[in-house]
Amino acid sequence: MLFSSCRPLIERLNSDFHFLKNASGSLFNLTENPIKHYLKIGEELKLNPCRQTCCMYYKIEKDVEGIDYCGNCPIKSKLTKLV
């Protein structure tokens, strides 16, 4: 029941995602789409979940649960490789 009420929202989010992912560079006044390689969803996200750029989550106030970095943080990934 809950999912069916969210269905239009989920469809809109997927539609907007695919629009941005497949947009030409002219939408951004550029020759290529600058965000295409950073947008991932579904299977693509599962295959390569680590972000290539930082979202700066760690710069905001510390989370109540003690989460310092976002779940896909490239900084956290680099830090764990060093240890």
N, C-alpha and C. Protein backbone atom coordinates (compact mmCIF):
# COMPACT_ATOMS: atom_id res chain seq x y z
N MET A 1 0.83 -1.19 0.00
CA MET A 1 0.00 0.00 0.00
C MET A 1 0.87 1.26 0.00
N LEU A 2 1.86 1.31 0.90
CA LEU A 2 2.73 2.47 0.97
C LEU A 2 3.51 2.66 -0.32
N PHE A 3 4.03 1.55 -0.88
CA PHE A 3 4.80 1.64 -2.10
C PHE A 3 3.96 2.17 -3.24
N SER A 4 2.69 1.75 -3.33
CA SER A 4 1.83 2.20 -4.43
C SER A 4 1.58 3.70 -4.35
N SER A 5 1.55 4.27 -3.16
CA SER A 5 1.36 5.71 -3.05
C SER A 5 2.63 6.48 -3.42
N CYS A 6 3.77 5.82 -3.33
CA CYS A 6 5.06 6.44 -3.70
C CYS A 6 5.41 6.20 -5.16
N ARG A 7 4.70 5.34 -5.82
CA ARG A 7 5.04 4.95 -7.19
C ARG A 7 5.20 6.15 -8.13
N PRO A 8 4.28 7.12 -8.15
CA PRO A 8 4.47 8.27 -9.05
C PRO A 8 5.75 9.05 -8.74
N LEU A 9 6.08 9.17 -7.48
CA LEU A 9 7.30 9.87 -7.08
C LEU A 9 8.54 9.11 -7.55
N ILE A 10 8.55 7.81 -7.37
CA ILE A 10 9.67 6.98 -7.80
C ILE A 10 9.83 7.04 -9.31
N GLU A 11 8.73 6.99 -10.04
CA GLU A 11 8.79 7.09 -11.50
C GLU A 11 9.33 8.45 -11.93
N ARG A 12 8.92 9.50 -11.25
CA ARG A 12 9.42 10.85 -11.57
C ARG A 12 10.91 10.97 -11.28
N LEU A 13 11.35 10.42 -10.15
CA LEU A 13 12.77 10.45 -9.81
C LEU A 13 13.60 9.69 -10.84
N ASN A 14 13.13 8.52 -11.25
CA ASN A 14 13.83 7.75 -12.28
C ASN A 14 13.87 8.49 -13.61
N SER A 15 12.77 9.10 -13.96
CA SER A 15 12.70 9.87 -15.20
C SER A 15 13.67 11.04 -15.17
N ASP A 16 13.67 11.78 -14.08
CA ASP A 16 14.58 12.92 -13.94
C ASP A 16 16.04 12.47 -13.96
N PHE A 17 16.32 11.36 -13.28
CA PHE A 17 17.68 10.82 -13.26
C PHE A 17 18.15 10.50 -14.67
N HIS A 18 17.34 9.77 -15.42
CA HIS A 18 17.73 9.38 -16.78
C HIS A 18 17.83 10.59 -17.70
N PHE A 19 16.99 11.58 -17.49
CA PHE A 19 17.10 12.81 -18.28
C PHE A 19 18.45 13.47 -18.06
N LEU A 20 18.85 13.62 -16.80
CA LEU A 20 20.14 14.25 -16.50
C LEU A 20 21.31 13.40 -16.95
N LYS A 21 21.21 12.10 -16.79
CA LYS A 21 22.29 11.19 -17.18
C LYS A 21 22.52 11.22 -18.69
N ASN A 22 21.44 11.33 -19.46
CA ASN A 22 21.53 11.27 -20.92
C ASN A 22 21.49 12.64 -21.59
N ALA A 23 21.48 13.69 -20.81
CA ALA A 23 21.40 15.04 -21.38
C ALA A 23 22.65 15.37 -22.18
N SER A 24 22.47 16.16 -23.21
CA SER A 24 23.63 16.59 -23.99
C SER A 24 24.33 17.72 -23.24
N GLY A 25 25.56 17.97 -23.62
CA GLY A 25 26.33 19.03 -22.99
C GLY A 25 25.72 20.40 -23.17
N SER A 26 24.94 20.57 -24.23
CA SER A 26 24.34 21.89 -24.49
C SER A 26 23.40 22.33 -23.37
N LEU A 27 22.84 21.37 -22.64
CA LEU A 27 21.99 21.72 -21.50
C LEU A 27 22.78 22.52 -20.46
N PHE A 28 24.08 22.26 -20.39
CA PHE A 28 24.96 22.92 -19.43
C PHE A 28 25.85 23.98 -20.10
N ASN A 29 25.53 24.29 -21.36
CA ASN A 29 26.35 25.21 -22.16
C ASN A 29 27.78 24.70 -22.30
N LEU A 30 27.93 23.39 -22.45
CA LEU A 30 29.22 22.75 -22.63
C LEU A 30 29.14 21.77 -23.80
N THR A 31 30.29 21.26 -24.21
CA THR A 31 30.28 20.28 -25.31
C THR A 31 29.88 18.89 -24.83
N GLU A 32 30.15 18.58 -23.55
CA GLU A 32 29.78 17.28 -22.98
C GLU A 32 29.02 17.47 -21.67
N ASN A 33 28.25 16.48 -21.31
CA ASN A 33 27.51 16.47 -20.05
C ASN A 33 28.52 16.30 -18.90
N PRO A 34 28.70 17.31 -18.05
CA PRO A 34 29.72 17.23 -17.00
C PRO A 34 29.37 16.32 -15.82
N ILE A 35 28.12 15.91 -15.68
CA ILE A 35 27.73 15.10 -14.53
C ILE A 35 27.41 13.65 -14.90
N LYS A 36 27.46 13.34 -16.19
CA LYS A 36 27.09 12.01 -16.67
C LYS A 36 27.83 10.89 -15.94
N HIS A 37 29.12 11.03 -15.75
CA HIS A 37 29.93 9.97 -15.16
C HIS A 37 29.75 9.84 -13.64
N TYR A 38 29.14 10.83 -13.02
CA TYR A 38 28.96 10.82 -11.57
C TYR A 38 27.59 10.29 -11.16
N LEU A 39 26.67 10.21 -12.10
CA LEU A 39 25.32 9.75 -11.78
C LEU A 39 25.24 8.24 -11.93
N LYS A 40 24.87 7.57 -10.85
CA LYS A 40 24.74 6.12 -10.86
C LYS A 40 23.46 5.72 -10.15
N ILE A 41 22.86 4.67 -10.64
CA ILE A 41 21.63 4.17 -10.03
C ILE A 41 21.55 2.67 -10.29
N GLY A 42 20.91 1.97 -9.41
CA GLY A 42 20.67 0.55 -9.60
C GLY A 42 21.92 -0.29 -9.70
N GLU A 43 22.00 -1.12 -10.74
CA GLU A 43 23.10 -2.07 -10.91
C GLU A 43 24.44 -1.36 -11.07
N GLU A 44 24.47 -0.26 -11.77
CA GLU A 44 25.71 0.49 -11.95
C GLU A 44 26.27 0.96 -10.60
N LEU A 45 25.39 1.39 -9.71
CA LEU A 45 25.81 1.83 -8.39
C LEU A 45 26.32 0.65 -7.56
N LYS A 46 25.68 -0.51 -7.71
CA LYS A 46 26.11 -1.71 -6.98
C LYS A 46 27.50 -2.17 -7.43
N LEU A 47 27.77 -2.05 -8.73
CA LEU A 47 29.06 -2.49 -9.27
C LEU A 47 30.20 -1.57 -8.87
N ASN A 48 29.94 -0.28 -8.77
CA ASN A 48 30.98 0.70 -8.43
C ASN A 48 30.40 1.74 -7.48
N PRO A 49 30.23 1.38 -6.19
CA PRO A 49 29.55 2.27 -5.25
C PRO A 49 30.37 3.47 -4.77
N CYS A 50 31.67 3.43 -4.91
CA CYS A 50 32.49 4.51 -4.36
C CYS A 50 32.41 5.77 -5.22
N ARG A 51 32.18 6.86 -4.58
CA ARG A 51 32.15 8.15 -5.28
C ARG A 51 33.55 8.50 -5.75
N GLN A 52 33.64 9.30 -6.80
CA GLN A 52 34.93 9.79 -7.27
C GLN A 52 35.21 11.19 -6.75
N THR A 53 34.17 11.83 -6.27
CA THR A 53 34.32 13.17 -5.72
C THR A 53 33.72 13.21 -4.32
N CYS A 54 34.16 14.13 -3.53
CA CYS A 54 33.70 14.24 -2.16
C CYS A 54 32.44 15.10 -2.07
N CYS A 55 31.47 14.67 -1.28
CA CYS A 55 30.23 15.44 -1.08
C CYS A 55 30.36 16.41 0.09
N MET A 56 31.50 16.36 0.79
CA MET A 56 31.79 17.23 1.93
C MET A 56 30.92 16.96 3.15
N TYR A 57 30.32 15.77 3.22
CA TYR A 57 29.50 15.40 4.37
C TYR A 57 30.28 15.55 5.68
N TYR A 58 31.56 15.20 5.64
CA TYR A 58 32.38 15.23 6.85
C TYR A 58 32.58 16.66 7.38
N LYS A 59 32.30 17.67 6.56
CA LYS A 59 32.47 19.06 6.98
C LYS A 59 31.29 19.59 7.80
N ILE A 60 30.15 18.91 7.71
CA ILE A 60 29.00 19.37 8.49
C ILE A 60 29.13 18.88 9.92
N GLU A 61 28.25 19.33 10.76
CA GLU A 61 28.29 18.95 12.18
C GLU A 61 28.26 17.43 12.32
N LYS A 62 29.01 16.91 13.27
CA LYS A 62 29.09 15.46 13.47
C LYS A 62 27.71 14.86 13.68
N ASP A 63 27.50 13.74 13.03
CA ASP A 63 26.24 13.03 13.13
C ASP A 63 26.07 12.47 14.54
N VAL A 64 24.84 12.38 14.99
CA VAL A 64 24.53 11.88 16.32
C VAL A 64 25.05 10.45 16.49
N GLU A 65 25.02 9.67 15.41
CA GLU A 65 25.46 8.28 15.46
C GLU A 65 26.97 8.15 15.28
N GLY A 66 27.66 9.24 15.10
CA GLY A 66 29.11 9.20 14.97
C GLY A 66 29.61 8.88 13.58
N ILE A 67 28.79 9.10 12.57
CA ILE A 67 29.21 8.85 11.19
C ILE A 67 30.01 10.06 10.72
N ASP A 68 31.28 9.83 10.43
CA ASP A 68 32.14 10.93 10.01
C ASP A 68 32.07 11.20 8.52
N TYR A 69 31.96 10.16 7.71
CA TYR A 69 31.95 10.29 6.25
C TYR A 69 30.69 9.65 5.67
N CYS A 70 30.33 10.04 4.46
CA CYS A 70 29.17 9.42 3.81
C CYS A 70 29.51 7.96 3.47
N GLY A 71 28.53 7.18 3.17
CA GLY A 71 28.73 5.76 2.92
C GLY A 71 29.58 5.44 1.70
N ASN A 72 29.67 6.36 0.74
CA ASN A 72 30.42 6.13 -0.49
C ASN A 72 31.62 7.06 -0.60
N CYS A 73 32.16 7.47 0.49
CA CYS A 73 33.21 8.50 0.52
C CYS A 73 34.53 8.04 -0.08
N PRO A 74 35.07 8.79 -1.05
CA PRO A 74 36.38 8.43 -1.59
C PRO A 74 37.51 8.70 -0.60
N ILE A 75 37.33 9.65 0.30
CA ILE A 75 38.34 9.94 1.32
C ILE A 75 38.42 8.76 2.29
N LYS A 76 37.26 8.30 2.74
CA LYS A 76 37.22 7.15 3.66
C LYS A 76 37.83 5.92 3.00
N SER A 77 37.55 5.74 1.72
CA SER A 77 38.10 4.62 0.99
C SER A 77 39.62 4.68 0.96
N LYS A 78 40.16 5.86 0.72
CA LYS A 78 41.62 6.04 0.69
C LYS A 78 42.22 5.82 2.08
N LEU A 79 41.54 6.29 3.12
CA LEU A 79 42.05 6.13 4.48
C LEU A 79 42.10 4.66 4.89
N THR A 80 41.09 3.88 4.52
CA THR A 80 41.08 2.47 4.90
C THR A 80 42.14 1.68 4.13
N LYS A 81 42.50 2.13 2.94
CA LYS A 81 43.56 1.47 2.17
C LYS A 81 44.92 1.72 2.81
N LEU A 82 45.09 2.86 3.46
CA LEU A 82 46.35 3.20 4.10
C LEU A 82 46.59 2.43 5.38
N VAL A 83 45.52 2.02 6.03
CA VAL A 83 45.63 1.33 7.32
C VAL A 83 45.90 -0.13 7.15
